[in-house]
Structure formats: structure tokens, C-alpha cells
Amino acid sequence: MAEIRLPSGSIITAFPIPPAGFNPLTADEVALRQYGLPPRPAGNAAQAELWRRVVGIPTQYLKPTFERSEDKQHGPRRVLVGTEGSDNWSGAVAYVTPGNQFRSIAAEWTVPAVGPESNDGGNYYSSFWIGIDGDSTNGVHSPDVFQAGVGCDVVRNASGVYLWWEWYPENEVRITNFPVSIGHTLSCLLTVISNTEGKVFLRNQTTGAATAFQITAPNRTTLVGNSAEWIAERPQVGGALTKLAVFSPIMFTACAANTNLGQTLRPIDGDNINMSDGVVILATGFIPAADTVDCIYTGPVPISPVALPGRIAALAGDVLYVKKDGLTAFGFEKRTTFKSLLWKAIASRHLTPQATYGSRRGRSMQFGWGLKKTR
């Protein structure tokens, strides 16, 4: 095992790569621990199924390499006073009951396309991640965040995509040798080993690559375990919130978070979060199904179209997506509440139908047309 110590006191532990033909489903606990893989849950069918779905697929393992950012952080939700929104998060968050603590969280999602709000040559940022802690509930606030995900940035009109992890208040740490691109589907599982130790498992379903490593919290930082979240975010660079990159709709699926008392909570058990700059809703979070979170960009109209991978059309503007029946929001089931949300969004943003598109995403088929803000 190799260890890397960061300035905050966090320690990264990298493990040997499993041999060819290694199968997590048949490996014993000693072998799982030897290769840094999350332990197999016992005594809880839902948690065991979550582990099997994310970790239990034989794959091509990579020994990760890392690069710590000197000025970029993600961190806790910044709550807007007097609202249920945030100026840095959009998505969904679940909360534990008193005496409970989150011990793992997982999800799958496809890396979205990104673009600049304008062709001004400026920098625009977006991150899509899962994590534990960073929000408040029942009077308890967690100032740390144990998190991992993908960054999709647009710097001087050039986009870049990379995987990262962070245990705030440590800075973002990139995984520099893990291949990932727009349109790739990712799986992530974060497992708490103790209140100062956690394991990160990431798998690129598109390429078959996977990596696992262990991290410790920064000095004087411990996990609270009161919240679990699935988030689209604009991070901080140099201590200031960045401008949000325009992104195609993103859907977190197979979302689940497990507690020390054996409970499994999903987004439907929590709340959705909208991101706002105090005037404009920049991104909207929906919970269309029990284990699904949709995040949709609703910020300023971009000058240039944002290409949507695997779809027929590339649309510019503030875009929402609906199924072909025209009744429900992107990926939503036919439920009155979501119909109402969609039509409310259409009315408030003066949206009109645009070109058709279609794609197959994982277990669901998405066909429909975009709704673009009219001028």
C-alpha cells in the first residue's frame, strides 16, 4: 500500500491492483480489504444489492494517481436566507433521524455536455457528485463533506472533464489517470470506515475501468453523518463562487444511502434543492422517482448551442426536456405533481416547443422534445 499525505493532514491510501479475473462477488473479505474495495454488507438485503450493483461487477482496475488543487473547493451547501434553495447546490438531499448516521451512499449518472454561458472567453464550472454531510437538519450542522464526482469545466471556451474527490475542508483532489468523457456513465460508492476514514469506489461503466482507494479526513475534522446528497454544483475557486457552466440535463439513478442502523434512504425520503444566484434560478433539482434525481440547467441563455451527446438535436437556451407525450418533465413518470411542476416552469419561463431528440440511457428510453426560452 502507498500513502500520500496532503497539507491538511488527509492521507490517501492506494492499494494493489486485483489480478486478472478477480471477481468481487466470490472474493472473501480478506481479498476485498487487500485491494481496497468496500466491505461486503451483511444482514441487509438492500445494502447488499447496492454493493453488488456498484462493486460486484468484474472490471479493469486502475491504480489511481492524484493531483491536489491549490484553489478549488466544493464543500457544504450554502443556504439562501429565507428559501429552501442554495447558491451552490442543486439536486436532492436526504437526512437521518436523531441517533442515526449515514455510512454509505451510491448512484449512477452520465457525464453531461457543458458549454459557456457566453463566448466571452471566461471560465465556467460545474461539478456532479454524491456525498455525505454538508447540510443541516434537526439543528445539527455538518461543516465537513465526504464527496466524489466529476468536474465539467469550460476554461477559455475549451471544456475539460475529470474525476475528483474531496473531504472538505481539504481542497479538491483530481484523479489524473482515470479516463472519462462526456457521455460516459459512472458508478460511485462512498463507504464510511470510521468517522475519520472512508473508501471511494468509482467505475466507468462505458469503458469498464474502475478504481478504489481510502482517504482520511483533514486534521480536526470528523464525519457527522447527518445528510446524504446527489448534487449538481458550481464550486469555489480562490474562495469565490464560480460562474455555472451550461450543462445538458443530468439524471442520478440507483440513488441510495445507508445508515448505521440498517436503514436505506433514497432521494424521495428527502428534499429537492434549487440553485439560485439570488435573482435567477440557475439549476433546478427534481425527484421524479424514489431513487432518481434530475438536475436541469435553467440559468441565463447561452449564446451557442450546447451539444447533447447521443441526441438528434443540439439546443441553445434555457432548456427543459419532456417525454414525447408532452405531459411530463424529462424522465418523469406520469404523476400530477410533476405535470404541475413542468407546466409551471413553462408558464414562468415562457417556454415553447423546439426540435425533437432521442436517446437510450441505461434502463430508460428518453424520447421527446426540448422546451426553449423564448425571447
Protein backbone atom coordinates (compact mmCIF):
# COMPACT_ATOMS: atom_id res chain seq x y z
CA MET A 1 0.00 0.00 0.00
CA ALA A 2 1.19 3.51 -0.85
CA GLU A 3 0.26 6.57 1.21
CA ILE A 4 0.12 10.23 0.19
CA ARG A 5 -0.19 12.90 2.89
CA LEU A 6 -1.86 16.20 1.98
CA PRO A 7 -1.23 19.60 3.63
CA SER A 8 -4.50 19.39 5.58
CA GLY A 9 -3.44 16.11 7.19
CA SER A 10 -5.63 13.97 4.90
CA ILE A 11 -3.99 10.72 3.86
CA ILE A 12 -4.70 8.86 0.61
CA THR A 13 -4.03 5.13 0.63
CA ALA A 14 -3.71 3.37 -2.73
CA PHE A 15 -3.90 -0.41 -2.91
CA PRO A 16 -2.51 -3.10 -5.22
CA ILE A 17 -4.48 -3.79 -8.39
CA PRO A 18 -6.50 -7.02 -8.26
CA PRO A 19 -5.22 -9.77 -10.57
CA ALA A 20 -6.83 -10.55 -13.92
CA GLY A 21 -10.06 -12.46 -13.47
CA PHE A 22 -10.67 -11.13 -9.96
CA ASN A 23 -14.36 -11.38 -9.10
CA PRO A 24 -15.60 -9.28 -6.14
CA LEU A 25 -18.72 -11.43 -5.82
CA THR A 26 -16.72 -14.54 -4.97
CA ALA A 27 -13.77 -12.87 -3.19
CA ASP A 28 -13.53 -13.21 0.59
CA GLU A 29 -13.29 -10.24 2.95
CA VAL A 30 -9.51 -10.54 3.22
CA ALA A 31 -9.13 -10.15 -0.54
CA LEU A 32 -11.57 -7.23 -0.67
CA ARG A 33 -9.60 -5.47 2.06
CA GLN A 34 -6.26 -6.25 0.38
CA TYR A 35 -7.35 -4.45 -2.81
CA GLY A 36 -9.07 -1.57 -1.06
CA LEU A 37 -12.60 -2.48 -2.12
CA PRO A 38 -15.57 -1.56 0.09
CA PRO A 39 -16.54 -4.33 2.52
CA ARG A 40 -19.47 -6.53 1.56
CA PRO A 41 -22.54 -5.55 3.65
CA ALA A 42 -24.05 -8.27 5.82
CA GLY A 43 -27.55 -8.65 7.20
CA ASN A 44 -29.27 -6.05 4.99
CA ALA A 45 -30.62 -7.08 1.60
CA ALA A 46 -30.92 -3.52 0.24
CA GLN A 47 -27.36 -2.64 1.18
CA ALA A 48 -26.04 -5.92 -0.22
CA GLU A 49 -27.81 -5.28 -3.52
CA LEU A 50 -26.36 -1.77 -3.69
CA TRP A 51 -22.86 -3.15 -3.14
CA ARG A 52 -23.40 -5.86 -5.76
CA ARG A 53 -24.63 -3.34 -8.32
CA VAL A 54 -21.71 -0.94 -7.93
CA VAL A 55 -18.75 -3.07 -6.80
CA GLY A 56 -19.67 -6.63 -7.72
CA ILE A 57 -19.04 -6.42 -11.45
CA PRO A 58 -15.66 -7.72 -12.64
CA THR A 59 -13.82 -4.85 -14.32
CA GLN A 60 -10.46 -3.37 -15.29
CA TYR A 61 -8.87 -1.85 -12.19
CA LEU A 62 -6.53 1.14 -12.25
CA LYS A 63 -4.11 2.26 -9.55
CA PRO A 64 -5.03 5.95 -9.22
CA THR A 65 -2.72 8.93 -9.38
CA PHE A 66 -3.70 12.25 -7.82
CA GLU A 67 -3.22 16.00 -8.13
CA ARG A 68 -4.38 18.38 -5.40
CA SER A 69 -5.93 21.67 -6.49
CA GLU A 70 -4.41 24.72 -4.84
CA ASP A 71 -7.51 26.92 -5.12
CA LYS A 72 -10.61 24.84 -5.90
CA GLN A 73 -13.10 23.56 -3.31
CA HIS A 74 -16.63 22.17 -3.26
CA GLY A 75 -17.81 21.99 0.33
CA PRO A 76 -21.10 22.40 2.22
CA ARG A 77 -24.39 23.71 0.95
CA ARG A 78 -24.60 27.50 1.10
CA VAL A 79 -28.20 28.15 2.13
CA LEU A 80 -30.00 31.20 0.78
CA VAL A 81 -31.64 33.08 3.63
CA GLY A 82 -35.41 32.71 3.65
CA THR A 83 -35.53 29.98 1.00
CA GLU A 84 -35.12 26.22 0.63
CA GLY A 85 -32.56 26.83 -2.08
CA SER A 86 -28.83 27.26 -2.28
CA ASP A 87 -26.40 29.40 -4.23
CA ASN A 88 -24.04 26.47 -4.93
CA TRP A 89 -26.08 23.20 -4.88
CA SER A 90 -28.91 21.77 -6.96
CA GLY A 91 -30.24 18.23 -6.65
CA ALA A 92 -31.54 16.36 -3.62
CA VAL A 93 -30.56 15.68 -0.01
CA ALA A 94 -31.77 13.06 2.49
CA TYR A 95 -31.49 13.36 6.27
CA VAL A 96 -31.16 10.84 9.08
CA THR A 97 -33.29 10.75 12.20
CA PRO A 98 -31.65 11.56 15.56
CA GLY A 99 -29.28 8.81 16.70
CA ASN A 100 -28.75 7.62 13.13
CA GLN A 101 -25.73 8.21 10.87
CA PHE A 102 -25.11 7.73 7.17
CA ARG A 103 -22.40 5.15 6.45
CA SER A 104 -22.53 4.84 2.64
CA ILE A 105 -24.01 6.48 -0.45
CA ALA A 106 -24.16 5.44 -4.11
CA ALA A 107 -25.50 6.49 -7.51
CA GLU A 108 -25.03 6.21 -11.25
CA TRP A 109 -25.06 9.10 -13.72
CA THR A 110 -23.99 10.04 -17.25
CA VAL A 111 -21.47 12.86 -17.68
CA PRO A 112 -23.34 15.81 -19.24
CA ALA A 113 -22.28 18.07 -22.07
CA VAL A 114 -21.20 21.53 -20.95
CA GLY A 115 -20.71 24.92 -22.55
CA PRO A 116 -20.15 28.57 -21.66
CA GLU A 117 -22.95 30.98 -20.96
CA SER A 118 -21.34 33.35 -23.45
CA ASN A 119 -18.36 33.44 -25.79
CA ASP A 120 -16.53 35.92 -23.59
CA GLY A 121 -13.51 33.67 -23.12
CA GLY A 122 -14.30 33.44 -19.41
CA ASN A 123 -14.22 30.41 -17.13
CA TYR A 124 -17.32 28.40 -16.26
CA TYR A 125 -17.51 25.45 -13.87
CA SER A 126 -19.86 22.63 -12.93
CA SER A 127 -19.48 19.51 -10.80
CA PHE A 128 -21.73 16.48 -10.39
CA TRP A 129 -21.18 14.36 -7.28
CA ILE A 130 -22.51 12.36 -4.37
CA GLY A 131 -21.52 12.89 -0.75
CA ILE A 132 -22.21 12.62 2.95
CA ASP A 133 -22.52 15.70 5.22
CA GLY A 134 -22.57 19.38 4.35
CA ASP A 135 -26.15 20.28 5.28
CA SER A 136 -28.22 20.94 8.40
CA THR A 137 -31.14 19.03 9.92
CA ASN A 138 -32.77 18.85 13.35
CA GLY A 139 -30.50 21.66 14.49
CA VAL A 140 -27.36 19.69 13.59
CA HIS A 141 -24.95 21.15 11.02
CA SER A 142 -22.15 19.18 9.39
CA PRO A 143 -19.32 21.50 8.27
CA ASP A 144 -17.44 18.68 6.51
CA VAL A 145 -18.32 16.93 3.22
CA PHE A 146 -17.04 13.47 2.19
CA GLN A 147 -17.66 13.51 -1.57
CA ALA A 148 -16.57 12.35 -5.03
CA GLY A 149 -17.71 13.03 -8.56
CA VAL A 150 -16.90 14.52 -11.94
CA GLY A 151 -15.88 18.05 -12.85
CA CYS A 152 -17.02 19.56 -16.17
CA ASP A 153 -15.33 22.92 -16.70
CA VAL A 154 -15.13 25.39 -19.58
CA VAL A 155 -11.90 27.39 -19.43
CA ARG A 156 -11.34 29.95 -22.20
CA ASN A 157 -14.01 28.22 -24.33
CA ALA A 158 -12.35 24.78 -24.02
CA SER A 159 -14.13 22.11 -21.96
CA GLY A 160 -12.44 19.63 -19.67
CA VAL A 161 -13.79 16.58 -17.79
CA TYR A 162 -12.11 14.80 -14.86
CA LEU A 163 -12.89 12.76 -11.73
CA TRP A 164 -12.15 14.11 -8.27
CA TRP A 165 -12.72 13.54 -4.56
CA GLU A 166 -12.74 15.89 -1.58
CA TRP A 167 -13.18 15.69 2.17
CA TYR A 168 -13.91 19.32 2.92
CA PRO A 169 -12.22 21.47 4.22
CA GLU A 170 -9.48 19.79 2.15
CA ASN A 171 -9.30 21.07 -1.43
CA GLU A 172 -10.42 19.14 -4.49
CA VAL A 173 -8.08 16.28 -5.43
CA ARG A 174 -8.20 15.13 -9.05
CA ILE A 175 -7.74 11.54 -10.19
CA THR A 176 -5.39 12.20 -13.07
CA ASN A 177 -5.16 8.81 -14.78
CA PHE A 178 -8.82 7.75 -14.84
CA PRO A 179 -10.29 8.16 -18.37
CA VAL A 180 -13.68 9.87 -18.51
CA SER A 181 -15.50 11.85 -21.19
CA ILE A 182 -18.84 13.50 -21.87
CA GLY A 183 -21.45 10.79 -22.38
CA HIS A 184 -19.72 8.19 -20.18
CA THR A 185 -21.82 6.59 -17.45
CA LEU A 186 -20.27 6.47 -13.96
CA SER A 187 -20.98 4.50 -10.80
CA CYS A 188 -19.77 5.72 -7.42
CA LEU A 189 -19.92 4.25 -3.92
CA LEU A 190 -18.63 6.07 -0.83
CA THR A 191 -18.25 3.94 2.31
CA VAL A 192 -17.54 5.25 5.81
CA ILE A 193 -14.98 3.11 7.67
CA SER A 194 -14.86 5.35 10.74
CA ASN A 195 -15.71 8.99 11.45
CA THR A 196 -12.29 9.95 10.06
CA GLU A 197 -11.83 7.30 7.32
CA GLY A 198 -13.68 6.47 4.13
CA LYS A 199 -13.34 4.43 0.95
CA VAL A 200 -14.03 5.69 -2.56
CA PHE A 201 -15.00 3.34 -5.38
CA LEU A 202 -15.51 4.68 -8.92
CA ARG A 203 -16.37 2.74 -12.05
CA ASN A 204 -16.72 3.96 -15.62
CA GLN A 205 -19.47 1.72 -16.99
CA THR A 206 -18.73 2.84 -20.53
CA THR A 207 -15.04 1.90 -20.58
CA GLY A 208 -15.03 -0.79 -17.87
CA ALA A 209 -12.32 0.99 -15.83
CA ALA A 210 -12.58 1.17 -12.03
CA THR A 211 -10.52 2.39 -9.11
CA ALA A 212 -10.65 2.17 -5.31
CA PHE A 213 -8.75 3.99 -2.60
CA GLN A 214 -9.07 5.05 1.03
CA ILE A 215 -8.87 8.57 2.45
CA THR A 216 -8.80 10.16 5.89
CA ALA A 217 -10.42 13.39 6.97
CA PRO A 218 -8.34 16.56 7.38
CA ASN A 219 -6.94 17.34 10.81
CA ARG A 220 -9.61 18.29 13.38
CA THR A 221 -12.39 17.12 11.02
CA THR A 222 -14.81 14.28 11.75
CA LEU A 223 -17.82 12.93 9.91
CA VAL A 224 -21.21 13.92 11.34
CA GLY A 225 -23.24 11.69 9.01
CA ASN A 226 -26.48 13.69 9.17
CA SER A 227 -27.06 14.26 5.43
CA ALA A 228 -26.54 12.43 2.14
CA GLU A 229 -26.80 14.19 -1.21
CA TRP A 230 -26.81 13.87 -5.01
CA ILE A 231 -25.71 17.22 -6.39
CA ALA A 232 -25.05 19.46 -9.40
CA GLU A 233 -22.83 22.28 -8.16
CA ARG A 234 -20.89 25.38 -9.02
CA PRO A 235 -17.69 25.11 -6.95
CA GLN A 236 -15.46 27.78 -5.46
CA VAL A 237 -12.17 28.87 -6.98
CA GLY A 238 -9.93 31.15 -4.96
CA GLY A 239 -12.59 31.34 -2.24
CA ALA A 240 -15.27 32.75 -4.57
CA LEU A 241 -18.24 31.04 -6.22
CA THR A 242 -17.67 30.42 -9.91
CA LYS A 243 -19.95 31.07 -12.88
CA LEU A 244 -22.01 27.96 -13.61
CA ALA A 245 -21.34 26.19 -16.90
CA VAL A 246 -24.37 25.45 -19.05
CA PHE A 247 -24.99 21.69 -18.83
CA SER A 248 -27.31 19.23 -20.54
CA PRO A 249 -29.82 17.58 -18.17
CA ILE A 250 -28.26 15.07 -15.78
CA MET A 251 -30.04 12.15 -14.12
CA PHE A 252 -28.69 10.42 -11.00
CA THR A 253 -30.17 6.91 -10.84
CA ALA A 254 -29.91 3.96 -8.43
CA CYS A 255 -29.53 6.54 -5.64
CA ALA A 256 -29.35 5.13 -2.11
CA ALA A 257 -27.74 5.99 1.22
CA ASN A 258 -27.40 3.53 4.11
CA THR A 259 -27.20 4.20 7.83
CA ASN A 260 -25.56 2.58 10.83
CA LEU A 261 -28.98 1.32 11.99
CA GLY A 262 -29.57 -0.58 8.76
CA GLN A 263 -31.91 1.93 7.11
CA THR A 264 -31.73 2.67 3.38
CA LEU A 265 -32.83 6.17 2.43
CA ARG A 266 -33.36 7.48 -1.10
CA PRO A 267 -33.96 10.91 -2.58
CA ILE A 268 -37.72 10.53 -2.19
CA ASP A 269 -37.12 10.45 1.58
CA GLY A 270 -35.52 13.91 1.46
CA ASP A 271 -35.88 17.26 -0.30
CA ASN A 272 -35.00 18.68 -3.67
CA ILE A 273 -32.71 21.73 -3.91
CA ASN A 274 -32.67 24.55 -6.47
CA MET A 275 -29.57 26.63 -7.15
CA SER A 276 -30.01 30.40 -7.40
CA ASP A 277 -27.84 33.48 -7.61
CA GLY A 278 -30.47 35.32 -5.55
CA VAL A 279 -32.29 36.54 -8.66
CA VAL A 280 -32.29 33.75 -11.25
CA ILE A 281 -32.80 30.01 -10.68
CA LEU A 282 -29.60 28.63 -12.20
CA ALA A 283 -30.39 24.91 -11.86
CA THR A 284 -33.45 23.00 -10.72
CA GLY A 285 -33.50 19.72 -8.84
CA PHE A 286 -36.34 17.22 -9.27
CA ILE A 287 -37.08 13.86 -7.62
CA PRO A 288 -39.07 12.08 -10.36
CA ALA A 289 -38.84 8.62 -8.79
CA ALA A 290 -37.85 7.18 -5.41
CA ASP A 291 -34.21 6.56 -6.37
CA THR A 292 -33.76 9.22 -9.08
CA VAL A 293 -32.64 12.85 -9.10
CA ASP A 294 -32.81 15.09 -12.17
CA CYS A 295 -30.81 18.32 -12.36
CA ILE A 296 -31.72 20.74 -15.15
CA TYR A 297 -29.89 23.93 -16.11
CA THR A 298 -32.28 26.90 -16.06
CA GLY A 299 -29.81 29.78 -15.96
CA PRO A 300 -29.04 32.54 -18.48
CA VAL A 301 -29.49 31.71 -22.16
CA PRO A 302 -26.19 30.62 -23.74
CA ILE A 303 -25.11 32.23 -27.00
CA SER A 304 -24.02 28.97 -28.63
CA PRO A 305 -25.85 25.61 -28.64
CA VAL A 306 -24.76 23.02 -26.09
CA ALA A 307 -24.34 19.67 -27.85
CA LEU A 308 -26.27 16.84 -26.24
CA PRO A 309 -24.39 13.56 -26.74
CA GLY A 310 -26.35 10.77 -28.36
CA ARG A 311 -29.31 13.01 -29.25
CA ILE A 312 -30.57 14.15 -32.62
CA ALA A 313 -30.74 17.83 -31.78
CA ALA A 314 -28.44 20.33 -30.09
CA LEU A 315 -30.43 23.10 -28.47
CA ALA A 316 -29.40 26.51 -27.20
CA GLY A 317 -31.20 28.40 -24.49
CA ASP A 318 -32.77 27.55 -21.18
CA VAL A 319 -33.83 24.00 -21.92
CA LEU A 320 -36.20 21.61 -20.21
CA TYR A 321 -36.97 18.19 -21.64
CA VAL A 322 -40.22 16.28 -21.82
CA LYS A 323 -41.22 12.83 -22.97
CA LYS A 324 -42.89 12.55 -26.35
CA ASP A 325 -46.37 12.58 -24.84
CA GLY A 326 -45.69 16.19 -23.91
CA LEU A 327 -47.12 15.68 -20.43
CA THR A 328 -44.17 15.04 -18.16
CA ALA A 329 -40.76 16.51 -17.42
CA PHE A 330 -37.52 14.83 -18.54
CA GLY A 331 -37.58 11.25 -17.25
CA PHE A 332 -40.61 11.88 -15.05
CA GLU A 333 -43.41 9.44 -14.53
CA LYS A 334 -46.99 10.47 -15.22
CA ARG A 335 -47.78 11.96 -11.85
CA THR A 336 -49.91 15.03 -11.38
CA THR A 337 -47.34 16.74 -9.15
CA PHE A 338 -44.65 16.55 -11.80
CA LYS A 339 -47.02 17.61 -14.57
CA SER A 340 -47.84 20.65 -12.50
CA LEU A 341 -44.17 21.41 -11.90
CA LEU A 342 -43.45 21.20 -15.62
CA TRP A 343 -46.30 23.39 -16.73
CA LYS A 344 -45.50 25.89 -14.00
CA ALA A 345 -41.93 26.06 -15.34
CA ILE A 346 -43.21 26.51 -18.89
CA ALA A 347 -45.53 29.32 -17.85
CA SER A 348 -42.98 31.16 -15.73
CA ARG A 349 -40.15 30.94 -18.28
CA HIS A 350 -42.21 31.40 -21.47
CA LEU A 351 -41.05 28.13 -22.98
CA THR A 352 -42.06 26.89 -26.43
CA PRO A 353 -41.52 23.52 -28.17
CA GLN A 354 -38.36 23.12 -30.23
CA ALA A 355 -36.66 20.32 -32.17
CA THR A 356 -37.08 16.64 -31.38
CA TYR A 357 -34.37 14.43 -29.93
CA GLY A 358 -33.99 10.88 -28.72
CA SER A 359 -31.54 8.63 -26.89
CA ARG A 360 -31.29 5.44 -24.88
CA ARG A 361 -29.90 5.94 -21.38
CA GLY A 362 -29.29 2.89 -19.23
CA ARG A 363 -32.56 1.28 -18.28
CA SER A 364 -34.83 4.01 -19.66
CA MET A 365 -35.68 5.31 -23.10
CA GLN A 366 -35.85 9.09 -23.40
CA PHE A 367 -37.68 10.48 -26.43
CA GLY A 368 -39.22 13.90 -26.58
CA TRP A 369 -38.63 17.50 -27.46
CA GLY A 370 -36.91 20.41 -25.81
CA LEU A 371 -38.59 23.49 -24.48
CA LYS A 372 -36.57 26.62 -25.10
CA LYS A 373 -36.96 30.02 -23.52
CA THR A 374 -38.44 32.49 -26.00
CA ARG A 375 -37.01 35.98 -26.31
